[in-house]
Amino acid sequence: LDVASAIPLGVSRAEMQQVFSKIDEEGAGKVTIAMMEAALARSSGVDCAAVPPWISHSVKLGLCGRIQEELQRRGAVPGRAGLARESDFRRVVMQTERYLTSE
């Protein structure tokens, strides 16, 4: 939640809390990449039919795959397969697409 709130994704913190609470059904306070992928898989195609204009070019050039590959290369949180460290996520996003950072 903190990561998604710190990066300018075009949603408010309140909106991210709603999304997070729907994905984190167990109330664990953490959302794995697999949980996020499963939630996206349940989404209607209409909901995900268009990439927001401000990021569409990067997505077309493979942004999501680059982030995923780099996070996998760095390894998961010990004992939590599929869960990336927040610091790793921030670093990967900052290095991949500098305009996505909050600075």
N, C-alpha and C. Protein backbone atom coordinates (compact mmCIF):
# COMPACT_ATOMS: atom_id res chain seq x y z
N LEU A 1 0.83 -1.19 0.00
CA LEU A 1 0.00 0.00 0.00
C LEU A 1 0.87 1.25 0.00
N ASP A 2 1.92 1.25 0.83
CA ASP A 2 2.79 2.42 0.88
C ASP A 2 3.48 2.65 -0.45
N VAL A 3 3.93 1.57 -1.09
CA VAL A 3 4.61 1.68 -2.38
C VAL A 3 3.66 2.27 -3.41
N ALA A 4 2.48 1.72 -3.50
CA ALA A 4 1.51 2.18 -4.49
C ALA A 4 1.09 3.62 -4.21
N SER A 5 1.08 4.01 -2.95
CA SER A 5 0.69 5.38 -2.60
C SER A 5 1.80 6.38 -2.89
N ALA A 6 3.06 5.94 -2.79
CA ALA A 6 4.19 6.84 -2.98
C ALA A 6 4.49 7.11 -4.45
N ILE A 7 4.09 6.19 -5.32
CA ILE A 7 4.35 6.35 -6.75
C ILE A 7 3.12 6.99 -7.39
N PRO A 8 3.30 8.00 -8.21
CA PRO A 8 2.15 8.67 -8.81
C PRO A 8 1.46 7.80 -9.87
N LEU A 9 0.53 6.97 -9.43
CA LEU A 9 -0.19 6.08 -10.34
C LEU A 9 -1.51 6.67 -10.80
N GLY A 10 -1.85 7.84 -10.32
CA GLY A 10 -3.11 8.46 -10.72
C GLY A 10 -4.28 8.05 -9.86
N VAL A 11 -4.01 7.46 -8.71
CA VAL A 11 -5.08 7.11 -7.76
C VAL A 11 -4.72 7.66 -6.40
N SER A 12 -5.73 7.95 -5.62
CA SER A 12 -5.49 8.48 -4.28
C SER A 12 -5.14 7.36 -3.31
N ARG A 13 -4.64 7.74 -2.16
CA ARG A 13 -4.32 6.75 -1.13
C ARG A 13 -5.60 6.02 -0.71
N ALA A 14 -6.70 6.73 -0.61
CA ALA A 14 -7.98 6.11 -0.23
C ALA A 14 -8.40 5.06 -1.26
N GLU A 15 -8.21 5.37 -2.54
CA GLU A 15 -8.53 4.40 -3.59
C GLU A 15 -7.63 3.17 -3.49
N MET A 16 -6.34 3.41 -3.23
CA MET A 16 -5.42 2.28 -3.09
C MET A 16 -5.77 1.44 -1.87
N GLN A 17 -6.25 2.06 -0.79
CA GLN A 17 -6.65 1.30 0.38
C GLN A 17 -7.84 0.39 0.05
N GLN A 18 -8.76 0.88 -0.78
CA GLN A 18 -9.89 0.06 -1.19
C GLN A 18 -9.43 -1.13 -2.01
N VAL A 19 -8.55 -0.89 -2.96
CA VAL A 19 -8.03 -1.97 -3.79
C VAL A 19 -7.26 -2.96 -2.92
N PHE A 20 -6.39 -2.45 -2.06
CA PHE A 20 -5.59 -3.29 -1.19
C PHE A 20 -6.48 -4.17 -0.31
N SER A 21 -7.52 -3.59 0.28
CA SER A 21 -8.39 -4.37 1.17
C SER A 21 -9.14 -5.46 0.43
N LYS A 22 -9.46 -5.24 -0.83
CA LYS A 22 -10.13 -6.27 -1.61
C LYS A 22 -9.19 -7.41 -1.97
N ILE A 23 -7.92 -7.09 -2.20
CA ILE A 23 -6.95 -8.12 -2.56
C ILE A 23 -6.45 -8.85 -1.31
N ASP A 24 -6.25 -8.12 -0.23
CA ASP A 24 -5.75 -8.70 1.03
C ASP A 24 -6.92 -9.23 1.85
N GLU A 25 -7.58 -10.26 1.33
CA GLU A 25 -8.78 -10.81 1.96
C GLU A 25 -8.52 -11.39 3.34
N GLU A 26 -7.31 -11.87 3.59
CA GLU A 26 -6.97 -12.47 4.88
C GLU A 26 -6.60 -11.42 5.92
N GLY A 27 -6.43 -10.18 5.50
CA GLY A 27 -6.06 -9.12 6.43
C GLY A 27 -4.63 -9.23 6.93
N ALA A 28 -3.76 -9.81 6.13
CA ALA A 28 -2.37 -10.03 6.53
C ALA A 28 -1.54 -8.74 6.48
N GLY A 29 -2.01 -7.74 5.76
CA GLY A 29 -1.27 -6.51 5.63
C GLY A 29 -0.21 -6.53 4.54
N LYS A 30 -0.20 -7.61 3.76
CA LYS A 30 0.76 -7.74 2.65
C LYS A 30 0.03 -8.32 1.45
N VAL A 31 0.44 -7.89 0.28
CA VAL A 31 -0.12 -8.40 -0.97
C VAL A 31 1.04 -8.89 -1.81
N THR A 32 1.02 -10.17 -2.14
CA THR A 32 2.09 -10.73 -2.96
C THR A 32 1.83 -10.41 -4.43
N ILE A 33 2.85 -10.58 -5.23
CA ILE A 33 2.71 -10.38 -6.66
C ILE A 33 1.66 -11.35 -7.21
N ALA A 34 1.68 -12.59 -6.71
CA ALA A 34 0.70 -13.58 -7.16
C ALA A 34 -0.72 -13.17 -6.82
N MET A 35 -0.91 -12.58 -5.63
CA MET A 35 -2.24 -12.11 -5.25
C MET A 35 -2.70 -10.98 -6.18
N MET A 36 -1.77 -10.10 -6.51
CA MET A 36 -2.09 -8.99 -7.41
C MET A 36 -2.43 -9.52 -8.79
N GLU A 37 -1.65 -10.50 -9.27
CA GLU A 37 -1.92 -11.09 -10.58
C GLU A 37 -3.29 -11.78 -10.59
N ALA A 38 -3.63 -12.49 -9.51
CA ALA A 38 -4.93 -13.17 -9.42
C ALA A 38 -6.07 -12.16 -9.44
N ALA A 39 -5.90 -11.04 -8.74
CA ALA A 39 -6.93 -10.01 -8.73
C ALA A 39 -7.10 -9.40 -10.12
N LEU A 40 -5.99 -9.18 -10.79
CA LEU A 40 -6.06 -8.64 -12.15
C LEU A 40 -6.73 -9.63 -13.10
N ALA A 41 -6.47 -10.92 -12.89
CA ALA A 41 -7.08 -11.96 -13.73
C ALA A 41 -8.60 -11.99 -13.56
N ARG A 42 -9.07 -11.63 -12.37
CA ARG A 42 -10.52 -11.60 -12.12
C ARG A 42 -11.18 -10.34 -12.68
N SER A 43 -10.39 -9.36 -13.05
CA SER A 43 -10.93 -8.10 -13.57
C SER A 43 -11.55 -8.30 -14.94
N SER A 44 -12.55 -7.54 -15.20
CA SER A 44 -13.19 -7.56 -16.51
C SER A 44 -12.22 -7.00 -17.55
N GLY A 45 -12.27 -7.56 -18.74
CA GLY A 45 -11.44 -7.05 -19.82
C GLY A 45 -11.71 -5.59 -20.12
N VAL A 46 -12.94 -5.18 -19.91
CA VAL A 46 -13.32 -3.79 -20.15
C VAL A 46 -12.57 -2.88 -19.17
N ASP A 47 -12.43 -3.36 -17.92
CA ASP A 47 -11.75 -2.55 -16.90
C ASP A 47 -10.29 -2.31 -17.25
N CYS A 48 -9.70 -3.27 -17.94
CA CYS A 48 -8.26 -3.20 -18.23
C CYS A 48 -7.98 -3.02 -19.72
N ALA A 49 -8.98 -2.62 -20.48
CA ALA A 49 -8.83 -2.57 -21.93
C ALA A 49 -7.86 -1.50 -22.41
N ALA A 50 -7.74 -0.43 -21.66
CA ALA A 50 -6.88 0.66 -22.11
C ALA A 50 -5.88 1.04 -21.03
N VAL A 51 -4.64 1.15 -21.43
CA VAL A 51 -3.58 1.60 -20.52
C VAL A 51 -3.70 3.12 -20.42
N PRO A 52 -3.55 3.67 -19.21
CA PRO A 52 -3.62 5.14 -19.09
C PRO A 52 -2.60 5.80 -20.02
N PRO A 53 -2.97 6.89 -20.65
CA PRO A 53 -2.10 7.55 -21.63
C PRO A 53 -0.72 7.91 -21.10
N TRP A 54 -0.62 8.28 -19.83
CA TRP A 54 0.65 8.74 -19.29
C TRP A 54 1.70 7.64 -19.17
N ILE A 55 1.27 6.37 -19.29
CA ILE A 55 2.23 5.27 -19.15
C ILE A 55 2.17 4.29 -20.33
N SER A 56 1.27 4.52 -21.25
CA SER A 56 1.04 3.55 -22.33
C SER A 56 2.29 3.27 -23.17
N HIS A 57 3.08 4.28 -23.46
CA HIS A 57 4.28 4.08 -24.28
C HIS A 57 5.25 3.13 -23.59
N SER A 58 5.46 3.34 -22.29
CA SER A 58 6.38 2.48 -21.54
C SER A 58 5.86 1.05 -21.45
N VAL A 59 4.56 0.90 -21.28
CA VAL A 59 3.97 -0.44 -21.21
C VAL A 59 4.16 -1.15 -22.54
N LYS A 60 3.96 -0.42 -23.64
CA LYS A 60 4.17 -1.02 -24.97
C LYS A 60 5.62 -1.47 -25.17
N LEU A 61 6.53 -0.77 -24.50
CA LEU A 61 7.95 -1.11 -24.62
C LEU A 61 8.38 -2.16 -23.59
N GLY A 62 7.43 -2.73 -22.84
CA GLY A 62 7.73 -3.83 -21.93
C GLY A 62 8.04 -3.45 -20.49
N LEU A 63 7.52 -2.33 -20.02
CA LEU A 63 7.79 -1.87 -18.66
C LEU A 63 7.45 -2.94 -17.61
N CYS A 64 6.27 -3.53 -17.69
CA CYS A 64 5.83 -4.50 -16.67
C CYS A 64 6.76 -5.70 -16.63
N GLY A 65 7.13 -6.20 -17.78
CA GLY A 65 8.04 -7.34 -17.83
C GLY A 65 9.41 -7.01 -17.28
N ARG A 66 9.91 -5.81 -17.58
CA ARG A 66 11.22 -5.41 -17.07
C ARG A 66 11.21 -5.31 -15.54
N ILE A 67 10.14 -4.74 -15.00
CA ILE A 67 10.03 -4.62 -13.54
C ILE A 67 9.95 -6.01 -12.92
N GLN A 68 9.13 -6.87 -13.48
CA GLN A 68 8.98 -8.22 -12.94
C GLN A 68 10.30 -8.99 -13.00
N GLU A 69 10.97 -8.94 -14.11
CA GLU A 69 12.25 -9.66 -14.26
C GLU A 69 13.28 -9.16 -13.26
N GLU A 70 13.36 -7.86 -13.10
CA GLU A 70 14.35 -7.30 -12.18
C GLU A 70 14.02 -7.66 -10.73
N LEU A 71 12.75 -7.63 -10.37
CA LEU A 71 12.37 -8.01 -9.00
C LEU A 71 12.66 -9.49 -8.75
N GLN A 72 12.40 -10.32 -9.74
CA GLN A 72 12.70 -11.74 -9.59
C GLN A 72 14.21 -11.97 -9.48
N ARG A 73 14.98 -11.21 -10.23
CA ARG A 73 16.44 -11.33 -10.16
C ARG A 73 16.95 -10.96 -8.77
N ARG A 74 16.35 -9.96 -8.16
CA ARG A 74 16.78 -9.52 -6.84
C ARG A 74 16.35 -10.48 -5.74
N GLY A 75 15.37 -11.31 -6.00
CA GLY A 75 14.92 -12.30 -5.01
C GLY A 75 13.77 -11.81 -4.16
N ALA A 76 13.06 -12.75 -3.61
CA ALA A 76 11.89 -12.45 -2.78
C ALA A 76 12.29 -12.16 -1.34
N VAL A 77 11.33 -11.67 -0.59
CA VAL A 77 11.50 -11.50 0.85
C VAL A 77 11.72 -12.89 1.44
N PRO A 78 12.73 -13.07 2.28
CA PRO A 78 12.98 -14.40 2.86
C PRO A 78 11.72 -15.00 3.48
N GLY A 79 11.40 -16.21 3.08
CA GLY A 79 10.23 -16.89 3.60
C GLY A 79 8.91 -16.48 2.97
N ARG A 80 8.96 -15.59 2.00
CA ARG A 80 7.73 -15.09 1.35
C ARG A 80 7.92 -15.09 -0.17
N ALA A 81 7.91 -16.26 -0.75
CA ALA A 81 8.10 -16.38 -2.20
C ALA A 81 7.09 -15.51 -2.94
N GLY A 82 7.56 -14.77 -3.91
CA GLY A 82 6.69 -13.92 -4.72
C GLY A 82 6.47 -12.54 -4.16
N LEU A 83 7.00 -12.24 -2.98
CA LEU A 83 6.82 -10.93 -2.36
C LEU A 83 8.13 -10.15 -2.47
N ALA A 84 8.07 -9.00 -3.12
CA ALA A 84 9.27 -8.18 -3.30
C ALA A 84 9.41 -7.21 -2.12
N ARG A 85 10.64 -6.89 -1.81
CA ARG A 85 10.90 -5.87 -0.79
C ARG A 85 10.49 -4.51 -1.34
N GLU A 86 9.95 -3.67 -0.48
CA GLU A 86 9.54 -2.33 -0.90
C GLU A 86 10.73 -1.55 -1.45
N SER A 87 11.87 -1.66 -0.79
CA SER A 87 13.04 -0.91 -1.24
C SER A 87 13.48 -1.37 -2.63
N ASP A 88 13.38 -2.68 -2.90
CA ASP A 88 13.72 -3.19 -4.23
C ASP A 88 12.75 -2.65 -5.27
N PHE A 89 11.46 -2.66 -4.94
CA PHE A 89 10.45 -2.18 -5.88
C PHE A 89 10.70 -0.71 -6.21
N ARG A 90 10.91 0.10 -5.18
CA ARG A 90 11.17 1.53 -5.41
C ARG A 90 12.40 1.73 -6.30
N ARG A 91 13.47 1.00 -5.99
CA ARG A 91 14.71 1.14 -6.75
C ARG A 91 14.52 0.73 -8.21
N VAL A 92 13.83 -0.38 -8.43
CA VAL A 92 13.61 -0.87 -9.79
C VAL A 92 12.77 0.13 -10.59
N VAL A 93 11.72 0.64 -9.99
CA VAL A 93 10.87 1.62 -10.70
C VAL A 93 11.67 2.88 -10.99
N MET A 94 12.42 3.34 -10.01
CA MET A 94 13.21 4.56 -10.20
C MET A 94 14.23 4.39 -11.33
N GLN A 95 14.86 3.23 -11.37
CA GLN A 95 15.88 3.00 -12.40
C GLN A 95 15.27 2.72 -13.76
N THR A 96 14.09 2.15 -13.79
CA THR A 96 13.45 1.79 -15.04
C THR A 96 12.78 2.98 -15.71
N GLU A 97 11.98 3.69 -14.97
CA GLU A 97 11.22 4.82 -15.51
C GLU A 97 11.26 5.95 -14.49
N ARG A 98 12.22 6.81 -14.61
CA ARG A 98 12.43 7.87 -13.61
C ARG A 98 11.21 8.77 -13.41
N TYR A 99 10.41 8.99 -14.41
CA TYR A 99 9.26 9.88 -14.27
C TYR A 99 8.17 9.28 -13.38
N LEU A 100 8.25 7.99 -13.04
CA LEU A 100 7.26 7.37 -12.16
C LEU A 100 7.55 7.61 -10.69
N THR A 101 8.71 8.13 -10.37
CA THR A 101 9.04 8.37 -8.96
C THR A 101 8.38 9.65 -8.50
N SER A 102 8.26 9.77 -7.19
CA SER A 102 7.59 10.94 -6.62
C SER A 102 8.50 12.13 -6.50
N GLU A 103 9.76 12.02 -6.87
CA GLU A 103 10.69 13.14 -6.75
C GLU A 103 10.79 13.95 -8.01
